[in-house]
Amino acid sequence: MLNRFFKENRDGKRHDLKALILAPTRELALQIMETIRVYGDGLPIRAAAIFGGVEEEAQMKALRKGVDFVLATPGRLIDFMEREKINFDLLETLVLDEADRMLHMGFYLTSRKS
């Protein structure tokens, strides 16, 4: 996935949200974020982790600057969606990491309301 996004944006000037990775916990979202940092080192890509339990201002600032990837937990993502703080118009890829766990945690009911 990183390689494909790099090929589409070689100059690194545009950072439109192309991929959303949903994870059930912020710990997992941060692990995925670190993996993207390691494998994307040297590539002109930007990623942001969006999760609860922390101040949201830094997360919103990253989104305003432009990102290629967002790693998010369902709760904070839905909050940002309801307040129109995130735009999915150019989204190409959705990854549900540990989807079964999110279903057990009630994400299905939450997503049905949105």
PDB file of N, CA and C in Angstrom:
ATOM      1  N   MET A   1       0.828  -1.177   0.000  1.00  0.00           N
ATOM      2  CA  MET A   1       0.000   0.000   0.000  1.00  0.00           C
ATOM      3  C   MET A   1       0.883   1.256   0.000  1.00  0.00           C
ATOM      4  N   LEU A   2       1.933   1.277   0.799  1.00  0.00           N
ATOM      5  CA  LEU A   2       2.822   2.438   0.830  1.00  0.00           C
ATOM      6  C   LEU A   2       3.431   2.699  -0.536  1.00  0.00           C
ATOM      7  N   ASN A   3       3.849   1.644  -1.198  1.00  0.00           N
ATOM      8  CA  ASN A   3       4.469   1.780  -2.504  1.00  0.00           C
ATOM      9  C   ASN A   3       3.504   2.402  -3.511  1.00  0.00           C
ATOM     10  N   ARG A   4       2.263   1.965  -3.494  1.00  0.00           N
ATOM     11  CA  ARG A   4       1.271   2.495  -4.432  1.00  0.00           C
ATOM     12  C   ARG A   4       1.048   3.985  -4.194  1.00  0.00           C
ATOM     13  N   PHE A   5       0.922   4.391  -2.948  1.00  0.00           N
ATOM     14  CA  PHE A   5       0.710   5.804  -2.660  1.00  0.00           C
ATOM     15  C   PHE A   5       1.931   6.632  -3.035  1.00  0.00           C
ATOM     16  N   PHE A   6       3.118   6.073  -2.839  1.00  0.00           N
ATOM     17  CA  PHE A   6       4.329   6.789  -3.221  1.00  0.00           C
ATOM     18  C   PHE A   6       4.358   7.011  -4.724  1.00  0.00           C
ATOM     19  N   LYS A   7       4.021   6.001  -5.490  1.00  0.00           N
ATOM     20  CA  LYS A   7       4.033   6.141  -6.950  1.00  0.00           C
ATOM     21  C   LYS A   7       3.050   7.203  -7.428  1.00  0.00           C
ATOM     22  N   GLU A   8       1.921   7.330  -6.738  1.00  0.00           N
ATOM     23  CA  GLU A   8       0.911   8.312  -7.128  1.00  0.00           C
ATOM     24  C   GLU A   8       1.284   9.729  -6.705  1.00  0.00           C
ATOM     25  N   ASN A   9       2.191   9.874  -5.772  1.00  0.00           N
ATOM     26  CA  ASN A   9       2.518  11.188  -5.219  1.00  0.00           C
ATOM     27  C   ASN A   9       4.023  11.317  -5.040  1.00  0.00           C
ATOM     28  N   ARG A  10       4.755  11.123  -6.099  1.00  0.00           N
ATOM     29  CA  ARG A  10       6.217  11.128  -6.005  1.00  0.00           C
ATOM     30  C   ARG A  10       6.796  12.441  -5.489  1.00  0.00           C
ATOM     31  N   ASP A  11       6.202  13.555  -5.876  1.00  0.00           N
ATOM     32  CA  ASP A  11       6.769  14.837  -5.462  1.00  0.00           C
ATOM     33  C   ASP A  11       6.429  15.202  -4.022  1.00  0.00           C
ATOM     34  N   GLY A  12       5.456  14.521  -3.428  1.00  0.00           N
ATOM     35  CA  GLY A  12       5.103  14.752  -2.037  1.00  0.00           C
ATOM     36  C   GLY A  12       4.395  16.063  -1.772  1.00  0.00           C
ATOM     37  N   LYS A  13       3.876  16.698  -2.818  1.00  0.00           N
ATOM     38  CA  LYS A  13       3.222  17.996  -2.643  1.00  0.00           C
ATOM     39  C   LYS A  13       1.776  17.876  -2.204  1.00  0.00           C
ATOM     40  N   ARG A  14       1.095  16.830  -2.611  1.00  0.00           N
ATOM     41  CA  ARG A  14      -0.314  16.650  -2.241  1.00  0.00           C
ATOM     42  C   ARG A  14      -0.425  15.573  -1.175  1.00  0.00           C
ATOM     43  N   HIS A  15      -1.210  15.860  -0.189  1.00  0.00           N
ATOM     44  CA  HIS A  15      -1.442  14.885   0.876  1.00  0.00           C
ATOM     45  C   HIS A  15      -2.940  14.804   1.130  1.00  0.00           C
ATOM     46  N   ASP A  16      -3.612  14.066   0.256  1.00  0.00           N
ATOM     47  CA  ASP A  16      -5.045  13.838   0.391  1.00  0.00           C
ATOM     48  C   ASP A  16      -5.258  12.501   1.083  1.00  0.00           C
ATOM     49  N   LEU A  17      -6.244  12.437   1.952  1.00  0.00           N
ATOM     50  CA  LEU A  17      -6.525  11.207   2.680  1.00  0.00           C
ATOM     51  C   LEU A  17      -6.930  10.105   1.711  1.00  0.00           C
ATOM     52  N   LYS A  18      -6.067   9.107   1.564  1.00  0.00           N
ATOM     53  CA  LYS A  18      -6.302   8.002   0.638  1.00  0.00           C
ATOM     54  C   LYS A  18      -6.600   6.695   1.352  1.00  0.00           C
ATOM     55  N   ALA A  19      -6.125   6.542   2.588  1.00  0.00           N
ATOM     56  CA  ALA A  19      -6.310   5.272   3.294  1.00  0.00           C
ATOM     57  C   ALA A  19      -6.704   5.512   4.742  1.00  0.00           C
ATOM     58  N   LEU A  20      -7.701   4.768   5.179  1.00  0.00           N
ATOM     59  CA  LEU A  20      -8.156   4.796   6.564  1.00  0.00           C
ATOM     60  C   LEU A  20      -7.968   3.403   7.141  1.00  0.00           C
ATOM     61  N   ILE A  21      -7.246   3.326   8.239  1.00  0.00           N
ATOM     62  CA  ILE A  21      -7.028   2.062   8.926  1.00  0.00           C
ATOM     63  C   ILE A  21      -7.691   2.172  10.293  1.00  0.00           C
ATOM     64  N   LEU A  22      -8.699   1.351  10.520  1.00  0.00           N
ATOM     65  CA  LEU A  22      -9.411   1.348  11.800  1.00  0.00           C
ATOM     66  C   LEU A  22      -8.863   0.239  12.686  1.00  0.00           C
ATOM     67  N   ALA A  23      -8.592   0.584  13.915  1.00  0.00           N
ATOM     68  CA  ALA A  23      -8.091  -0.384  14.895  1.00  0.00           C
ATOM     69  C   ALA A  23      -8.941  -0.266  16.156  1.00  0.00           C
ATOM     70  N   PRO A  24      -9.101  -1.353  16.898  1.00  0.00           N
ATOM     71  CA  PRO A  24      -9.976  -1.320  18.071  1.00  0.00           C
ATOM     72  C   PRO A  24      -9.427  -0.535  19.260  1.00  0.00           C
ATOM     73  N   THR A  25      -8.117  -0.370  19.343  1.00  0.00           N
ATOM     74  CA  THR A  25      -7.529   0.315  20.501  1.00  0.00           C
ATOM     75  C   THR A  25      -6.479   1.315  20.044  1.00  0.00           C
ATOM     76  N   ARG A  26      -6.215   2.291  20.901  1.00  0.00           N
ATOM     77  CA  ARG A  26      -5.199   3.275  20.537  1.00  0.00           C
ATOM     78  C   ARG A  26      -3.808   2.652  20.530  1.00  0.00           C
ATOM     79  N   GLU A  27      -3.595   1.647  21.392  1.00  0.00           N
ATOM     80  CA  GLU A  27      -2.291   0.977  21.396  1.00  0.00           C
ATOM     81  C   GLU A  27      -2.014   0.327  20.042  1.00  0.00           C
ATOM     82  N   LEU A  28      -3.012  -0.334  19.498  1.00  0.00           N
ATOM     83  CA  LEU A  28      -2.839  -0.958  18.187  1.00  0.00           C
ATOM     84  C   LEU A  28      -2.687   0.106  17.100  1.00  0.00           C
ATOM     85  N   ALA A  29      -3.450   1.180  17.182  1.00  0.00           N
ATOM     86  CA  ALA A  29      -3.323   2.269  16.204  1.00  0.00           C
ATOM     87  C   ALA A  29      -1.908   2.841  16.226  1.00  0.00           C
ATOM     88  N   LEU A  30      -1.346   3.008  17.416  1.00  0.00           N
ATOM     89  CA  LEU A  30       0.016   3.528  17.527  1.00  0.00           C
ATOM     90  C   LEU A  30       1.048   2.537  16.995  1.00  0.00           C
ATOM     91  N   GLN A  31       0.827   1.240  17.209  1.00  0.00           N
ATOM     92  CA  GLN A  31       1.737   0.225  16.651  1.00  0.00           C
ATOM     93  C   GLN A  31       1.726   0.285  15.129  1.00  0.00           C
ATOM     94  N   ILE A  32       0.541   0.414  14.554  1.00  0.00           N
ATOM     95  CA  ILE A  32       0.432   0.496  13.095  1.00  0.00           C
ATOM     96  C   ILE A  32       1.097   1.775  12.595  1.00  0.00           C
ATOM     97  N   MET A  33       0.894   2.864  13.313  1.00  0.00           N
ATOM     98  CA  MET A  33       1.512   4.140  12.948  1.00  0.00           C
ATOM     99  C   MET A  33       3.028   4.009  12.924  1.00  0.00           C
ATOM    100  N   GLU A  34       3.583   3.359  13.919  1.00  0.00           N
ATOM    101  CA  GLU A  34       5.031   3.164  13.971  1.00  0.00           C
ATOM    102  C   GLU A  34       5.507   2.307  12.795  1.00  0.00           C
ATOM    103  N   THR A  35       4.744   1.300  12.440  1.00  0.00           N
ATOM    104  CA  THR A  35       5.099   0.459  11.294  1.00  0.00           C
ATOM    105  C   THR A  35       5.114   1.280  10.012  1.00  0.00           C
ATOM    106  N   ILE A  36       4.134   2.148   9.846  1.00  0.00           N
ATOM    107  CA  ILE A  36       4.106   3.007   8.656  1.00  0.00           C
ATOM    108  C   ILE A  36       5.311   3.941   8.657  1.00  0.00           C
ATOM    109  N   ARG A  37       5.671   4.463   9.820  1.00  0.00           N
ATOM    110  CA  ARG A  37       6.857   5.330   9.901  1.00  0.00           C
ATOM    111  C   ARG A  37       8.121   4.578   9.483  1.00  0.00           C
ATOM    112  N   VAL A  38       8.266   3.358   9.966  1.00  0.00           N
ATOM    113  CA  VAL A  38       9.466   2.577   9.651  1.00  0.00           C
ATOM    114  C   VAL A  38       9.515   2.238   8.164  1.00  0.00           C
ATOM    115  N   TYR A  39       8.440   1.666   7.635  1.00  0.00           N
ATOM    116  CA  TYR A  39       8.437   1.243   6.239  1.00  0.00           C
ATOM    117  C   TYR A  39       8.316   2.412   5.270  1.00  0.00           C
ATOM    118  N   GLY A  40       7.783   3.531   5.742  1.00  0.00           N
ATOM    119  CA  GLY A  40       7.635   4.698   4.882  1.00  0.00           C
ATOM    120  C   GLY A  40       8.768   5.694   5.017  1.00  0.00           C
ATOM    121  N   ASP A  41       9.799   5.339   5.796  1.00  0.00           N
ATOM    122  CA  ASP A  41      10.926   6.242   6.003  1.00  0.00           C
ATOM    123  C   ASP A  41      11.528   6.639   4.658  1.00  0.00           C
ATOM    124  N   GLY A  42      11.635   7.926   4.448  1.00  0.00           N
ATOM    125  CA  GLY A  42      12.202   8.419   3.200  1.00  0.00           C
ATOM    126  C   GLY A  42      11.178   8.646   2.105  1.00  0.00           C
ATOM    127  N   LEU A  43       9.957   8.201   2.321  1.00  0.00           N
ATOM    128  CA  LEU A  43       8.902   8.418   1.331  1.00  0.00           C
ATOM    129  C   LEU A  43       8.121   9.679   1.694  1.00  0.00           C
ATOM    130  N   PRO A  44       7.629  10.412   0.691  1.00  0.00           N
ATOM    131  CA  PRO A  44       6.887  11.648   0.983  1.00  0.00           C
ATOM    132  C   PRO A  44       5.431  11.374   1.349  1.00  0.00           C
ATOM    133  N   ILE A  45       5.237  10.658   2.447  1.00  0.00           N
ATOM    134  CA  ILE A  45       3.874  10.355   2.890  1.00  0.00           C
ATOM    135  C   ILE A  45       3.688  10.886   4.306  1.00  0.00           C
ATOM    136  N   ARG A  46       2.437  11.211   4.610  1.00  0.00           N
ATOM    137  CA  ARG A  46       2.104  11.673   5.955  1.00  0.00           C
ATOM    138  C   ARG A  46       1.008  10.787   6.520  1.00  0.00           C
ATOM    139  N   ALA A  47       1.105  10.528   7.811  1.00  0.00           N
ATOM    140  CA  ALA A  47       0.090   9.726   8.493  1.00  0.00           C
ATOM    141  C   ALA A  47      -0.245  10.392   9.821  1.00  0.00           C
ATOM    142  N   ALA A  48      -1.465  10.161  10.272  1.00  0.00           N
ATOM    143  CA  ALA A  48      -1.899  10.687  11.565  1.00  0.00           C
ATOM    144  C   ALA A  48      -2.666   9.611  12.303  1.00  0.00           C
ATOM    145  N   ALA A  49      -2.473   9.568  13.613  1.00  0.00           N
ATOM    146  CA  ALA A  49      -3.225   8.648  14.461  1.00  0.00           C
ATOM    147  C   ALA A  49      -4.319   9.443  15.164  1.00  0.00           C
ATOM    148  N   ILE A  50      -5.550   8.943  15.071  1.00  0.00           N
ATOM    149  CA  ILE A  50      -6.720   9.609  15.636  1.00  0.00           C
ATOM    150  C   ILE A  50      -7.344   8.660  16.657  1.00  0.00           C
ATOM    151  N   PHE A  51      -7.260   9.010  17.939  1.00  0.00           N
ATOM    152  CA  PHE A  51      -7.826   8.153  18.982  1.00  0.00           C
ATOM    153  C   PHE A  51      -8.147   8.986  20.206  1.00  0.00           C
ATOM    154  N   GLY A  52      -9.008   8.471  21.044  1.00  0.00           N
ATOM    155  CA  GLY A  52      -9.433   9.175  22.250  1.00  0.00           C
ATOM    156  C   GLY A  52      -8.439   9.051  23.381  1.00  0.00           C
ATOM    157  N   GLY A  53      -8.761   9.732  24.475  1.00  0.00           N
ATOM    158  CA  GLY A  53      -7.917   9.668  25.655  1.00  0.00           C
ATOM    159  C   GLY A  53      -6.795  10.679  25.664  1.00  0.00           C
ATOM    160  N   VAL A  54      -6.687  11.477  24.598  1.00  0.00           N
ATOM    161  CA  VAL A  54      -5.671  12.526  24.509  1.00  0.00           C
ATOM    162  C   VAL A  54      -6.335  13.773  23.944  1.00  0.00           C
ATOM    163  N   GLU A  55      -5.657  14.909  24.081  1.00  0.00           N
ATOM    164  CA  GLU A  55      -6.171  16.143  23.491  1.00  0.00           C
ATOM    165  C   GLU A  55      -6.259  15.972  21.976  1.00  0.00           C
ATOM    166  N   GLU A  56      -7.318  16.473  21.401  1.00  0.00           N
ATOM    167  CA  GLU A  56      -7.546  16.275  19.970  1.00  0.00           C
ATOM    168  C   GLU A  56      -6.914  17.342  19.096  1.00  0.00           C
ATOM    169  N   GLU A  57      -6.440  18.446  19.657  1.00  0.00           N
ATOM    170  CA  GLU A  57      -5.943  19.553  18.845  1.00  0.00           C
ATOM    171  C   GLU A  57      -4.802  19.132  17.919  1.00  0.00           C
ATOM    172  N   ALA A  58      -3.837  18.376  18.421  1.00  0.00           N
ATOM    173  CA  ALA A  58      -2.720  17.930  17.576  1.00  0.00           C
ATOM    174  C   ALA A  58      -3.219  17.034  16.447  1.00  0.00           C
ATOM    175  N   GLN A  59      -4.231  16.226  16.726  1.00  0.00           N
ATOM    176  CA  GLN A  59      -4.799  15.348  15.699  1.00  0.00           C
ATOM    177  C   GLN A  59      -5.495  16.178  14.620  1.00  0.00           C
ATOM    178  N   MET A  60      -6.255  17.186  15.027  1.00  0.00           N
ATOM    179  CA  MET A  60      -6.935  18.044  14.054  1.00  0.00           C
ATOM    180  C   MET A  60      -5.926  18.849  13.240  1.00  0.00           C
ATOM    181  N   LYS A  61      -4.855  19.289  13.879  1.00  0.00           N
ATOM    182  CA  LYS A  61      -3.815  20.039  13.171  1.00  0.00           C
ATOM    183  C   LYS A  61      -3.180  19.178  12.080  1.00  0.00           C
ATOM    184  N   ALA A  62      -2.903  17.922  12.398  1.00  0.00           N
ATOM    185  CA  ALA A  62      -2.333  17.013  11.400  1.00  0.00           C
ATOM    186  C   ALA A  62      -3.284  16.843  10.219  1.00  0.00           C
ATOM    187  N   LEU A  63      -4.573  16.710  10.492  1.00  0.00           N
ATOM    188  CA  LEU A  63      -5.550  16.568   9.410  1.00  0.00           C
ATOM    189  C   LEU A  63      -5.612  17.826   8.555  1.00  0.00           C
ATOM    190  N   ARG A  64      -5.551  18.986   9.178  1.00  0.00           N
ATOM    191  CA  ARG A  64      -5.588  20.249   8.421  1.00  0.00           C
ATOM    192  C   ARG A  64      -4.376  20.387   7.512  1.00  0.00           C
ATOM    193  N   LYS A  65      -3.209  19.917   7.962  1.00  0.00           N
ATOM    194  CA  LYS A  65      -1.987  19.994   7.155  1.00  0.00           C
ATOM    195  C   LYS A  65      -2.041  19.049   5.966  1.00  0.00           C
ATOM    196  N   GLY A  66      -2.853  18.002   6.082  1.00  0.00           N
ATOM    197  CA  GLY A  66      -2.971  17.018   5.012  1.00  0.00           C
ATOM    198  C   GLY A  66      -2.248  15.736   5.357  1.00  0.00           C
ATOM    199  N   VAL A  67      -2.931  14.620   5.191  1.00  0.00           N
ATOM    200  CA  VAL A  67      -2.353  13.309   5.464  1.00  0.00           C
ATOM    201  C   VAL A  67      -2.765  12.336   4.369  1.00  0.00           C
ATOM    202  N   ASP A  68      -1.931  11.337   4.154  1.00  0.00           N
ATOM    203  CA  ASP A  68      -2.222  10.274   3.197  1.00  0.00           C
ATOM    204  C   ASP A  68      -2.921   9.106   3.887  1.00  0.00           C
ATOM    205  N   PHE A  69      -2.541   8.858   5.139  1.00  0.00           N
ATOM    206  CA  PHE A  69      -3.078   7.746   5.924  1.00  0.00           C
ATOM    207  C   PHE A  69      -3.636   8.273   7.238  1.00  0.00           C
ATOM    208  N   VAL A  70      -4.761   7.726   7.660  1.00  0.00           N
ATOM    209  CA  VAL A  70      -5.267   7.971   9.007  1.00  0.00           C
ATOM    210  C   VAL A  70      -5.432   6.628   9.687  1.00  0.00           C
ATOM    211  N   LEU A  71      -4.873   6.514  10.881  1.00  0.00           N
ATOM    212  CA  LEU A  71      -5.062   5.338  11.734  1.00  0.00           C
ATOM    213  C   LEU A  71      -5.957   5.802  12.854  1.00  0.00           C
ATOM    214  N   ALA A  72      -7.077   5.133  13.047  1.00  0.00           N
ATOM    215  CA  ALA A  72      -8.062   5.648  13.992  1.00  0.00           C
ATOM    216  C   ALA A  72      -8.741   4.546  14.772  1.00  0.00           C
ATOM    217  N   THR A  73      -9.214   4.942  15.950  1.00  0.00           N
ATOM    218  CA  THR A  73     -10.126   4.089  16.701  1.00  0.00           C
ATOM    219  C   THR A  73     -11.538   4.574  16.386  1.00  0.00           C
ATOM    220  N   PRO A  74     -12.508   3.677  16.443  1.00  0.00           N
ATOM    221  CA  PRO A  74     -13.870   4.039  16.029  1.00  0.00           C
ATOM    222  C   PRO A  74     -14.467   5.237  16.768  1.00  0.00           C
ATOM    223  N   GLY A  75     -14.285   5.311  18.075  1.00  0.00           N
ATOM    224  CA  GLY A  75     -14.913   6.381  18.845  1.00  0.00           C
ATOM    225  C   GLY A  75     -14.483   7.771  18.412  1.00  0.00           C
ATOM    226  N   ARG A  76     -13.180   8.015  18.364  1.00  0.00           N
ATOM    227  CA  ARG A  76     -12.681   9.345  17.983  1.00  0.00           C
ATOM    228  C   ARG A  76     -12.976   9.622  16.516  1.00  0.00           C
ATOM    229  N   LEU A  77     -12.884   8.595  15.683  1.00  0.00           N
ATOM    230  CA  LEU A  77     -13.181   8.797  14.267  1.00  0.00           C
ATOM    231  C   LEU A  77     -14.628   9.246  14.079  1.00  0.00           C
ATOM    232  N   ILE A  78     -15.555   8.582  14.738  1.00  0.00           N
ATOM    233  CA  ILE A  78     -16.970   8.950  14.613  1.00  0.00           C
ATOM    234  C   ILE A  78     -17.189  10.366  15.147  1.00  0.00           C
ATOM    235  N   ASP A  79     -16.517  10.712  16.233  1.00  0.00           N
ATOM    236  CA  ASP A  79     -16.607  12.071  16.770  1.00  0.00           C
ATOM    237  C   ASP A  79     -16.157  13.091  15.726  1.00  0.00           C
ATOM    238  N   PHE A  80     -15.025  12.848  15.078  1.00  0.00           N
ATOM    239  CA  PHE A  80     -14.521  13.763  14.048  1.00  0.00           C
ATOM    240  C   PHE A  80     -15.473  13.808  12.853  1.00  0.00           C
ATOM    241  N   MET A  81     -16.032  12.669  12.492  1.00  0.00           N
ATOM    242  CA  MET A  81     -16.976  12.634  11.369  1.00  0.00           C
ATOM    243  C   MET A  81     -18.219  13.465  11.687  1.00  0.00           C
ATOM    244  N   GLU A  82     -18.761  13.302  12.865  1.00  0.00           N
ATOM    245  CA  GLU A  82     -19.973  14.035  13.250  1.00  0.00           C
ATOM    246  C   GLU A  82     -19.742  15.540  13.261  1.00  0.00           C
ATOM    247  N   ARG A  83     -18.518  15.949  13.571  1.00  0.00           N
ATOM    248  CA  ARG A  83     -18.188  17.376  13.596  1.00  0.00           C
ATOM    249  C   ARG A  83     -17.555  17.845  12.287  1.00  0.00           C
ATOM    250  N   GLU A  84     -17.545  16.965  11.280  1.00  0.00           N
ATOM    251  CA  GLU A  84     -17.012  17.266   9.946  1.00  0.00           C
ATOM    252  C   GLU A  84     -15.558  17.746   9.999  1.00  0.00           C
ATOM    253  N   LYS A  85     -14.750  17.063  10.790  1.00  0.00           N
ATOM    254  CA  LYS A  85     -13.330  17.384  10.923  1.00  0.00           C
ATOM    255  C   LYS A  85     -12.461  16.514  10.023  1.00  0.00           C
ATOM    256  N   ILE A  86     -13.078  15.572   9.320  1.00  0.00           N
ATOM    257  CA  ILE A  86     -12.332  14.665   8.450  1.00  0.00           C
ATOM    258  C   ILE A  86     -13.113  14.489   7.161  1.00  0.00           C
ATOM    259  N   ASN A  87     -12.384  14.419   6.048  1.00  0.00           N
ATOM    260  CA  ASN A  87     -13.001  14.354   4.729  1.00  0.00           C
ATOM    261  C   ASN A  87     -12.573  13.063   4.028  1.00  0.00           C
ATOM    262  N   PHE A  88     -13.558  12.302   3.581  1.00  0.00           N
ATOM    263  CA  PHE A  88     -13.277  11.026   2.917  1.00  0.00           C
ATOM    264  C   PHE A  88     -13.510  11.075   1.408  1.00  0.00           C
ATOM    265  N   ASP A  89     -13.615  12.261   0.822  1.00  0.00           N
ATOM    266  CA  ASP A  89     -13.949  12.380  -0.598  1.00  0.00           C
ATOM    267  C   ASP A  89     -12.984  11.624  -1.508  1.00  0.00           C
ATOM    268  N   LEU A  90     -11.707  11.586  -1.171  1.00  0.00           N
ATOM    269  CA  LEU A  90     -10.706  10.937  -2.023  1.00  0.00           C
ATOM    270  C   LEU A  90     -10.215   9.605  -1.457  1.00  0.00           C
ATOM    271  N   LEU A  91     -10.903   9.096  -0.440  1.00  0.00           N
ATOM    272  CA  LEU A  91     -10.506   7.834   0.191  1.00  0.00           C
ATOM    273  C   LEU A  91     -10.571   6.686  -0.813  1.00  0.00           C
ATOM    274  N   GLU A  92      -9.510   5.896  -0.857  1.00  0.00           N
ATOM    275  CA  GLU A  92      -9.427   4.756  -1.769  1.00  0.00           C
ATOM    276  C   GLU A  92      -9.394   3.420  -1.043  1.00  0.00           C
ATOM    277  N   THR A  93      -8.846   3.409   0.162  1.00  0.00           N
ATOM    278  CA  THR A  93      -8.610   2.150   0.860  1.00  0.00           C
ATOM    279  C   THR A  93      -9.108   2.238   2.302  1.00  0.00           C
ATOM    280  N   LEU A  94      -9.833   1.202   2.711  1.00  0.00           N
ATOM    281  CA  LEU A  94     -10.289   1.075   4.095  1.00  0.00           C
ATOM    282  C   LEU A  94      -9.796  -0.260   4.623  1.00  0.00           C
ATOM    283  N   VAL A  95      -9.098  -0.222   5.748  1.00  0.00           N
ATOM    284  CA  VAL A  95      -8.592  -1.436   6.387  1.00  0.00           C
ATOM    285  C   VAL A  95      -9.229  -1.530   7.766  1.00  0.00           C
ATOM    286  N   LEU A  96      -9.855  -2.662   8.053  1.00  0.00           N
ATOM    287  CA  LEU A  96     -10.420  -2.920   9.377  1.00  0.00           C
ATOM    288  C   LEU A  96      -9.513  -3.925  10.074  1.00  0.00           C
ATOM    289  N   ASP A  97      -8.643  -3.431  10.924  1.00  0.00           N
ATOM    290  CA  ASP A  97      -7.729  -4.309  11.640  1.00  0.00           C
ATOM    291  C   ASP A  97      -8.463  -4.880  12.850  1.00  0.00           C
ATOM    292  N   GLU A  98      -8.402  -6.180  12.993  1.00  0.00           N
ATOM    293  CA  GLU A  98      -9.096  -6.884  14.080  1.00  0.00           C
ATOM    294  C   GLU A  98     -10.587  -6.558  14.069  1.00  0.00           C
ATOM    295  N   ALA A  99     -11.205  -6.692  12.898  1.00  0.00           N
ATOM    296  CA  ALA A  99     -12.629  -6.383  12.728  1.00  0.00           C
ATOM    297  C   ALA A  99     -13.497  -7.185  13.691  1.00  0.00           C
ATOM    298  N   ASP A 100     -13.147  -8.439  13.912  1.00  0.00           N
ATOM    299  CA  ASP A 100     -13.942  -9.258  14.835  1.00  0.00           C
ATOM    300  C   ASP A 100     -13.934  -8.670  16.247  1.00  0.00           C
ATOM    301  N   ARG A 101     -12.798  -8.154  16.659  1.00  0.00           N
ATOM    302  CA  ARG A 101     -12.701  -7.546  17.993  1.00  0.00           C
ATOM    303  C   ARG A 101     -13.549  -6.273  18.068  1.00  0.00           C
ATOM    304  N   MET A 102     -13.538  -5.479  16.998  1.00  0.00           N
ATOM    305  CA  MET A 102     -14.350  -4.260  16.996  1.00  0.00           C
ATOM    306  C   MET A 102     -15.834  -4.596  17.055  1.00  0.00           C
ATOM    307  N   LEU A 103     -16.235  -5.672  16.393  1.00  0.00           N
ATOM    308  CA  LEU A 103     -17.637  -6.089  16.462  1.00  0.00           C
ATOM    309  C   LEU A 103     -18.007  -6.492  17.883  1.00  0.00           C
ATOM    310  N   HIS A 104     -17.114  -7.216  18.541  1.00  0.00           N
ATOM    311  CA  HIS A 104     -17.362  -7.619  19.931  1.00  0.00           C
ATOM    312  C   HIS A 104     -17.415  -6.415  20.870  1.00  0.00           C
ATOM    313  N   MET A 105     -16.713  -5.347  20.500  1.00  0.00           N
ATOM    314  CA  MET A 105     -16.678  -4.151  21.338  1.00  0.00           C
ATOM    315  C   MET A 105     -17.858  -3.215  21.052  1.00  0.00           C
ATOM    316  N   GLY A 106     -18.704  -3.568  20.088  1.00  0.00           N
ATOM    317  CA  GLY A 106     -19.879  -2.752  19.807  1.00  0.00           C
ATOM    318  C   GLY A 106     -19.727  -1.764  18.675  1.00  0.00           C
ATOM    319  N   PHE A 107     -18.656  -1.858  17.895  1.00  0.00           N
ATOM    320  CA  PHE A 107     -18.458  -0.924  16.790  1.00  0.00           C
ATOM    321  C   PHE A 107     -19.567  -1.018  15.759  1.00  0.00           C
ATOM    322  N   TYR A 108     -20.110  -2.205  15.541  1.00  0.00           N
ATOM    323  CA  TYR A 108     -21.167  -2.378  14.541  1.00  0.00           C
ATOM    324  C   TYR A 108     -22.352  -1.474  14.854  1.00  0.00           C
ATOM    325  N   LEU A 109     -22.805  -1.475  16.088  1.00  0.00           N
ATOM    326  CA  LEU A 109     -23.954  -0.640  16.464  1.00  0.00           C
ATOM    327  C   LEU A 109     -23.616   0.837  16.345  1.00  0.00           C
ATOM    328  N   THR A 110     -22.419   1.210  16.734  1.00  0.00           N
ATOM    329  CA  THR A 110     -21.999   2.602  16.630  1.00  0.00           C
ATOM    330  C   THR A 110     -21.942   3.039  15.178  1.00  0.00           C
ATOM    331  N   SER A 111     -21.384   2.201  14.309  1.00  0.00           N
ATOM    332  CA  SER A 111     -21.250   2.573  12.903  1.00  0.00           C
ATOM    333  C   SER A 111     -22.605   2.645  12.219  1.00  0.00           C
ATOM    334  N   ARG A 112     -23.572   1.865  12.661  1.00  0.00           N
ATOM    335  CA  ARG A 112     -24.909   1.892  12.069  1.00  0.00           C
ATOM    336  C   ARG A 112     -25.618   3.211  12.354  1.00  0.00           C
ATOM    337  N   LYS A 113     -25.277   3.856  13.471  1.00  0.00           N
ATOM    338  CA  LYS A 113     -25.899   5.130  13.821  1.00  0.00           C
ATOM    339  C   LYS A 113     -25.360   6.266  12.964  1.00  0.00           C
ATOM    340  N   SER A 114     -24.146   6.141  12.458  1.00  0.00           N
ATOM    341  CA  SER A 114     -23.493   7.234  11.731  1.00  0.00           C
ATOM    342  C   SER A 114     -23.929   7.308  10.299  1.00  0.00           C
TER     343      SER A 114
END
